[in-house]
N, C-alpha and C. Protein backbone atom coordinates (compact mmCIF):
# COMPACT_ATOMS: atom_id res chain seq x y z
N MET A 1 0.54 -1.34 0.07
CA MET A 1 -0.16 -0.12 -0.09
C MET A 1 0.72 1.54 0.26
N TYR A 2 1.98 1.00 0.88
CA TYR A 2 2.97 2.11 0.54
C TYR A 2 3.20 2.49 -0.83
N ARG A 3 3.41 1.26 -1.28
CA ARG A 3 3.78 1.77 -3.00
C ARG A 3 2.64 2.46 -3.71
N TYR A 4 1.77 1.87 -3.64
CA TYR A 4 0.77 2.82 -4.60
C TYR A 4 0.43 4.43 -3.90
N THR A 5 0.46 4.30 -2.51
CA THR A 5 0.70 5.70 -2.19
C THR A 5 1.68 6.52 -2.63
N LYS A 6 2.80 6.00 -2.51
CA LYS A 6 3.93 7.09 -3.25
C LYS A 6 3.68 6.91 -4.50
N PHE A 7 3.56 5.51 -5.43
CA PHE A 7 2.97 5.89 -7.03
C PHE A 7 1.93 7.20 -7.54
N PHE A 8 0.89 7.10 -6.19
CA PHE A 8 -0.02 8.11 -7.00
C PHE A 8 0.60 9.82 -6.45
N SER A 9 1.08 9.65 -5.33
CA SER A 9 2.04 10.92 -4.74
C SER A 9 2.90 10.88 -5.58
N LEU A 10 3.53 10.88 -6.35
CA LEU A 10 4.26 10.88 -7.35
C LEU A 10 3.69 11.53 -8.81
N LEU A 11 2.58 10.30 -9.15
CA LEU A 11 1.83 10.47 -10.45
C LEU A 11 0.91 12.10 -10.14
N LEU A 12 0.91 12.37 -8.57
CA LEU A 12 -0.20 14.06 -8.84
C LEU A 12 0.71 14.83 -8.99
N ILE A 13 2.52 14.40 -8.00
CA ILE A 13 3.42 15.44 -8.24
C ILE A 13 3.67 15.94 -10.33
N ILE A 14 3.39 14.80 -10.93
CA ILE A 14 3.95 14.88 -12.18
C ILE A 14 2.74 15.66 -12.76
N THR A 15 1.51 15.29 -12.64
CA THR A 15 0.29 15.92 -12.75
C THR A 15 0.37 17.12 -13.13
N ILE A 16 0.66 18.26 -11.73
CA ILE A 16 0.61 18.89 -11.25
C ILE A 16 1.38 19.97 -12.04
N ILE A 17 2.67 19.12 -11.91
CA ILE A 17 4.04 19.77 -13.28
C ILE A 17 3.36 20.11 -14.12
N ILE A 18 3.29 19.14 -15.05
CA ILE A 18 2.92 19.20 -16.12
C ILE A 18 1.70 20.49 -16.23
N GLY A 19 0.36 20.54 -15.26
CA GLY A 19 -0.69 21.40 -15.79
C GLY A 19 0.14 22.49 -15.52
N GLY A 20 0.98 22.95 -14.40
CA GLY A 20 1.96 24.24 -14.42
C GLY A 20 2.38 24.53 -15.53
N LEU A 21 2.77 23.64 -16.12
CA LEU A 21 3.83 23.87 -17.69
C LEU A 21 2.82 24.39 -18.32
N PHE A 22 1.51 23.48 -18.74
CA PHE A 22 1.21 23.85 -19.29
C PHE A 22 -0.14 25.40 -19.25
N PHE A 23 0.30 26.09 -18.25
CA PHE A 23 -0.84 27.10 -17.56
C PHE A 23 0.43 27.80 -18.35
N SER A 24 1.18 27.93 -17.57
CA SER A 24 2.27 29.12 -17.84
C SER A 24 3.00 28.97 -19.10
N ASN A 25 2.88 27.95 -19.70
CA ASN A 25 3.22 27.71 -21.49
C ASN A 25 1.42 29.25 -22.18
N PHE A 26 0.44 28.30 -21.45
CA PHE A 26 -0.85 29.44 -21.88
C PHE A 26 -0.77 30.82 -21.60
N ARG A 27 -0.05 30.89 -20.44
CA ARG A 27 0.31 32.19 -19.94
C ARG A 27 0.96 32.99 -20.85
N ILE A 28 2.39 32.43 -21.80
CA ILE A 28 3.09 32.61 -22.17
C ILE A 28 2.65 33.01 -23.71
N GLN A 29 1.88 32.15 -24.21
CA GLN A 29 1.15 32.44 -25.70
C GLN A 29 0.31 33.69 -25.37
N HIS A 30 -0.42 33.96 -24.04
CA HIS A 30 -1.47 34.74 -24.31
C HIS A 30 -0.65 36.24 -23.81
N ALA A 31 0.55 36.32 -23.37
CA ALA A 31 1.16 37.40 -23.58
C ALA A 31 1.78 37.67 -24.71
N GLN A 32 2.13 36.45 -25.55
CA GLN A 32 2.92 36.47 -27.07
C GLN A 32 1.18 37.58 -28.12
N ALA A 33 0.20 36.78 -27.48
CA ALA A 33 -0.50 36.90 -28.58
C ALA A 33 -0.69 38.72 -28.18
N ASP A 34 -1.05 39.24 -26.75
CA ASP A 34 -1.40 40.48 -26.34
C ASP A 34 0.26 41.13 -27.20
N GLN A 35 1.57 40.97 -27.36
CA GLN A 35 2.09 41.77 -28.20
C GLN A 35 1.96 42.02 -29.18
N LEU A 36 1.36 41.00 -30.23
CA LEU A 36 1.05 40.40 -31.56
C LEU A 36 0.00 41.79 -31.70
N LEU A 37 -0.88 41.72 -31.14
CA LEU A 37 -1.96 42.51 -30.95
C LEU A 37 -2.05 44.11 -30.88
N ALA A 38 -0.87 44.27 -29.92
CA ALA A 38 -0.14 45.62 -29.70
C ALA A 38 0.31 46.00 -31.15
N ASN A 39 1.60 45.03 -31.80
CA ASN A 39 2.06 45.40 -33.00
C ASN A 39 1.29 45.79 -34.12
N ALA A 40 -0.09 44.98 -33.85
CA ALA A 40 -0.78 45.01 -35.35
C ALA A 40 -1.68 46.48 -34.88
N GLN A 41 -1.77 46.91 -33.71
CA GLN A 41 -2.50 48.13 -33.52
C GLN A 41 -2.02 49.45 -34.20
N ALA A 42 -0.62 49.16 -33.76
CA ALA A 42 1.06 50.46 -33.79
C ALA A 42 0.56 50.34 -35.52
N ASP A 43 0.72 49.02 -36.27
CA ASP A 43 0.87 48.70 -37.48
C ASP A 43 -0.18 49.81 -38.03
N LYS A 44 -1.15 49.06 -37.65
CA LYS A 44 -2.59 50.01 -38.05
C LYS A 44 -2.26 51.23 -38.06
N ALA A 45 -2.39 52.18 -37.08
CA ALA A 45 -1.84 53.21 -36.56
C ALA A 45 -1.05 53.83 -37.47
N ARG A 46 0.19 53.52 -37.54
CA ARG A 46 1.12 54.04 -38.48
C ARG A 46 0.65 53.78 -40.01
N LEU A 47 -0.03 52.67 -40.55
CA LEU A 47 -0.28 53.04 -42.06
C LEU A 47 -1.82 53.94 -42.11
N GLU A 48 -2.25 54.05 -41.19
CA GLU A 48 -3.31 54.85 -41.46
C GLU A 48 -2.61 56.48 -40.99
N ALA A 49 -1.99 57.01 -40.45
CA ALA A 49 -1.13 58.06 -40.76
C ALA A 49 -0.73 58.24 -41.95
N GLU A 50 -0.32 56.96 -42.75
CA GLU A 50 0.90 56.90 -43.75
C GLU A 50 -0.41 57.43 -45.02
N LEU A 51 -1.41 56.68 -44.50
CA LEU A 51 -3.02 57.15 -45.54
C LEU A 51 -2.78 58.27 -45.66
N ALA A 52 -3.35 58.57 -44.03
CA ALA A 52 -3.59 60.22 -44.26
C ALA A 52 -2.50 61.47 -44.88
N SER A 53 -1.44 61.53 -44.75
CA SER A 53 0.01 62.00 -45.24
C SER A 53 -0.44 61.75 -46.26
N LEU A 54 -0.61 60.60 -47.23
CA LEU A 54 -0.60 60.44 -48.89
C LEU A 54 -1.64 61.13 -49.67
N GLU A 55 -2.87 61.28 -48.61
CA GLU A 55 -4.36 61.70 -48.88
C GLU A 55 -4.01 62.91 -49.14
N LYS A 56 -3.16 63.54 -47.95
CA LYS A 56 -2.73 65.29 -48.39
C LYS A 56 -1.83 65.48 -49.69
N GLU A 57 -1.06 64.41 -49.48
CA GLU A 57 -0.32 65.33 -51.18
C GLU A 57 -0.93 64.54 -51.85
N ILE A 58 -1.71 63.64 -52.52
CA ILE A 58 -2.84 63.86 -53.34
C ILE A 58 -3.44 65.02 -53.83
N VAL A 59 -3.88 65.47 -52.68
CA VAL A 59 -5.05 66.78 -52.70
C VAL A 59 -3.84 67.55 -53.32
N ALA A 60 -3.11 67.73 -52.92
CA ALA A 60 -1.95 69.11 -52.66
C ALA A 60 -1.04 69.05 -54.68
N LYS A 61 -1.45 67.60 -54.97
CA LYS A 61 -1.10 67.34 -55.75
C LYS A 61 -2.07 67.81 -56.94
N GLN A 62 -3.20 67.73 -56.63
CA GLN A 62 -4.41 67.72 -57.49
C GLN A 62 -4.48 69.57 -57.58
N LYS A 63 -4.47 69.95 -56.59
CA LYS A 63 -4.52 71.54 -56.76
C LYS A 63 -3.24 72.11 -57.57
N GLN A 64 -2.23 71.62 -57.31
CA GLN A 64 -1.00 71.95 -58.18
C GLN A 64 -1.52 71.81 -59.39
N LEU A 65 -2.17 70.48 -60.41
CA LEU A 65 -2.19 69.94 -61.02
C LEU A 65 -3.38 71.03 -62.22
N ASP A 66 -4.33 71.44 -60.97
CA ASP A 66 -5.59 72.50 -61.41
C ASP A 66 -4.79 73.50 -62.05
N GLY A 67 -3.85 74.44 -60.96
CA GLY A 67 -3.35 75.62 -61.14
C GLY A 67 -2.64 75.58 -62.78
N GLN A 68 -1.93 74.23 -63.07
CA GLN A 68 -1.19 74.38 -64.18
C GLN A 68 -2.25 74.27 -64.93
N LYS A 69 -3.18 73.25 -65.45
CA LYS A 69 -4.36 73.57 -65.98
C LYS A 69 -4.36 74.96 -66.28
N GLY A 70 -4.69 75.09 -65.33
CA GLY A 70 -5.19 77.33 -65.24
C GLY A 70 -3.96 78.22 -66.34
N GLN A 71 -3.22 77.39 -65.98
CA GLN A 71 -2.12 78.08 -66.37
C GLN A 71 -2.26 78.24 -67.89
N SER A 72 -2.32 76.69 -67.88
CA SER A 72 -2.10 76.20 -69.35
C SER A 72 -3.01 77.01 -70.54
N VAL A 73 -4.22 77.30 -69.79
CA VAL A 73 -5.68 77.77 -70.34
C VAL A 73 -4.73 79.49 -70.94
N SER A 74 -4.61 79.70 -69.55
CA SER A 74 -3.79 81.11 -69.51
C SER A 74 -2.84 81.52 -70.78
N ILE A 75 -2.11 80.52 -70.85
CA ILE A 75 -0.91 80.05 -71.66
C ILE A 75 -1.46 80.67 -73.33
N SER A 76 -2.23 79.38 -73.15
CA SER A 76 -2.89 79.19 -74.80
C SER A 76 -3.88 80.41 -75.09
N ARG A 77 -4.23 81.29 -74.11
CA ARG A 77 -5.13 82.17 -74.14
C ARG A 77 -4.67 83.30 -74.76
N ASP A 78 -3.30 83.77 -74.44
CA ASP A 78 -2.31 84.58 -74.18
C ASP A 78 -1.49 84.48 -75.82
N ILE A 79 -1.62 83.15 -76.18
CA ILE A 79 -0.86 82.93 -77.41
C ILE A 79 -1.61 83.24 -78.46
N ALA A 80 -3.20 82.95 -78.14
CA ALA A 80 -4.06 83.21 -79.01
C ALA A 80 -4.42 84.70 -79.58
N VAL A 81 -4.42 85.24 -78.22
CA VAL A 81 -4.40 86.92 -78.20
C VAL A 81 -3.28 87.16 -79.27
N LEU A 82 -2.15 87.02 -79.05
CA LEU A 82 -0.84 87.26 -79.44
C LEU A 82 -0.84 87.09 -81.67
N THR A 83 -1.85 85.78 -81.63
CA THR A 83 -1.62 85.07 -82.75
C THR A 83 -2.39 86.27 -83.55
N THR A 84 -3.80 86.95 -83.10
CA THR A 84 -4.52 87.66 -83.31
C THR A 84 -3.98 89.04 -83.60
N GLN A 85 -3.02 89.38 -82.58
CA GLN A 85 -2.64 90.57 -83.07
C GLN A 85 -1.70 90.77 -83.78
N ILE A 86 -0.83 89.63 -83.86
CA ILE A 86 -0.24 89.42 -85.28
C ILE A 86 -0.85 89.73 -86.07
N GLN A 87 -1.71 88.78 -86.42
CA GLN A 87 -2.65 88.93 -87.95
C GLN A 87 -2.90 89.96 -88.22
N LYS A 88 -3.31 90.99 -87.49
CA LYS A 88 -4.44 92.51 -87.34
C LYS A 88 -3.50 93.34 -87.81
N SER A 89 -2.04 92.88 -87.04
CA SER A 89 -0.47 93.60 -87.51
C SER A 89 0.07 93.79 -88.75
N LYS A 90 -0.46 92.41 -89.48
CA LYS A 90 0.08 92.30 -90.69
C LYS A 90 -1.23 92.89 -91.60
N LEU A 91 -2.77 92.55 -91.36
CA LEU A 91 -3.45 93.40 -92.56
C LEU A 91 -3.64 94.68 -91.92
N ASP A 92 -2.95 95.07 -90.61
CA ASP A 92 -2.99 96.75 -91.21
C ASP A 92 -1.63 97.03 -91.75
N ILE A 93 -0.77 96.04 -92.42
CA ILE A 93 0.88 96.38 -93.22
C ILE A 93 0.20 96.48 -94.13
N LYS A 94 -1.16 95.55 -94.43
CA LYS A 94 -0.97 95.49 -96.30
C LYS A 94 -2.00 96.38 -96.73
N SER A 95 -2.92 96.62 -95.34
CA SER A 95 -3.80 97.76 -95.80
C SER A 95 -2.65 99.35 -95.90
N LYS A 96 -2.13 99.38 -95.30
CA LYS A 96 -1.23 100.82 -95.65
C LYS A 96 -0.33 100.73 -96.68
N ASN A 97 0.05 99.05 -97.29
CA ASN A 97 0.98 99.09 -98.69
C ASN A 97 -0.08 99.30 -99.48
N LEU A 98 -1.37 98.84 -99.59
CA LEU A 98 -2.17 99.02 -100.07
C LEU A 98 -2.70 100.65 -100.79
N THR A 99 -2.76 101.38 -99.42
CA THR A 99 -2.94 102.87 -99.49
C THR A 99 -1.66 103.46 -100.15
N ILE A 100 -0.57 103.07 -99.88
CA ILE A 100 0.86 103.84 -100.13
C ILE A 100 0.79 102.98 -102.36
N GLN A 101 0.48 102.40 -102.32
CA GLN A 101 0.11 101.39 -103.77
C GLN A 101 -0.93 102.33 -104.71
N LYS A 102 -1.74 102.89 -104.27
CA LYS A 102 -2.58 103.72 -104.10
C LYS A 102 -2.65 105.38 -104.26
N LEU A 103 -1.61 105.52 -103.68
CA LEU A 103 -1.02 107.05 -103.57
C LEU A 103 -0.08 107.24 -104.85
N GLY A 104 0.58 106.46 -104.91
CA GLY A 104 1.39 106.22 -105.97
C GLY A 104 0.81 106.10 -107.51
N GLY A 105 -0.17 105.41 -107.25
CA GLY A 105 -0.56 105.59 -108.63
C GLY A 105 -1.58 106.60 -109.01
N GLU A 106 -1.68 107.53 -107.57
CA GLU A 106 -2.36 108.56 -108.20
C GLU A 106 -1.23 109.46 -108.33
N ILE A 107 -0.42 109.28 -108.05
CA ILE A 107 0.65 110.34 -108.00
C ILE A 107 1.08 110.30 -109.41
N THR A 108 1.28 109.18 -109.97
CA THR A 108 1.93 108.79 -111.77
C THR A 108 0.31 110.04 -112.09
N GLN A 109 -0.69 109.19 -111.51
CA GLN A 109 -1.74 109.97 -112.73
C GLN A 109 -1.70 111.24 -112.73
N LYS A 110 -1.33 112.23 -111.67
CA LYS A 110 -1.18 113.48 -111.23
C LYS A 110 0.12 113.83 -112.09
N ASN A 111 0.92 113.86 -111.99
CA ASN A 111 2.14 113.61 -112.98
C ASN A 111 2.07 112.90 -114.54
N GLN A 112 1.22 112.40 -115.01
CA GLN A 112 0.73 112.67 -116.07
C GLN A 112 0.11 113.63 -116.34
N ALA A 113 -0.99 114.04 -115.67
CA ALA A 113 -1.49 115.13 -116.17
C ALA A 113 -0.76 116.58 -115.96
N ILE A 114 0.16 116.63 -115.12
CA ILE A 114 0.91 117.72 -114.93
C ILE A 114 1.79 117.93 -116.30
N GLU A 115 2.25 116.73 -116.61
CA GLU A 115 3.20 116.66 -117.67
C GLU A 115 2.30 116.91 -118.99
N SER A 116 1.24 116.71 -119.03
CA SER A 116 0.23 117.00 -120.15
C SER A 116 -0.03 118.53 -120.22
N LEU A 117 -0.24 119.29 -119.06
CA LEU A 117 -1.12 120.66 -118.72
C LEU A 117 0.41 120.98 -119.39
N SER A 118 1.65 120.91 -119.00
CA SER A 118 2.78 121.72 -119.07
C SER A 118 2.82 121.74 -120.83
N THR A 119 2.84 120.71 -121.54
CA THR A 119 2.88 120.34 -122.53
C THR A 119 2.18 121.05 -123.55
N LYS A 120 1.13 121.06 -123.12
CA LYS A 120 0.00 122.01 -123.90
C LYS A 120 0.45 123.77 -123.35
């Protein structure tokens, strides 16, 4: 009977040790899970901050793009205005050349008239 008592005592001690190891392992796993959760939450916060930063940068780039589009429209409009002014100036020059030719023709006619009157 002493043998059985010793055997059951030893079995009880082994069971307690194994149970303690199991629960200590459970606590370690629980602590690791808590650490993983904390890491995941930190990563989530970092990624959300990075996303917010990128969204701000996207908005800034869109504003810059809109400004450049407006500037492009302004430059295109300025080019169109300058082109129109050049065309108008060319037409003015043609008009003045025609006026000069007309006056030249009139001068020629008047010279002929003067020569004709002079000969008479």
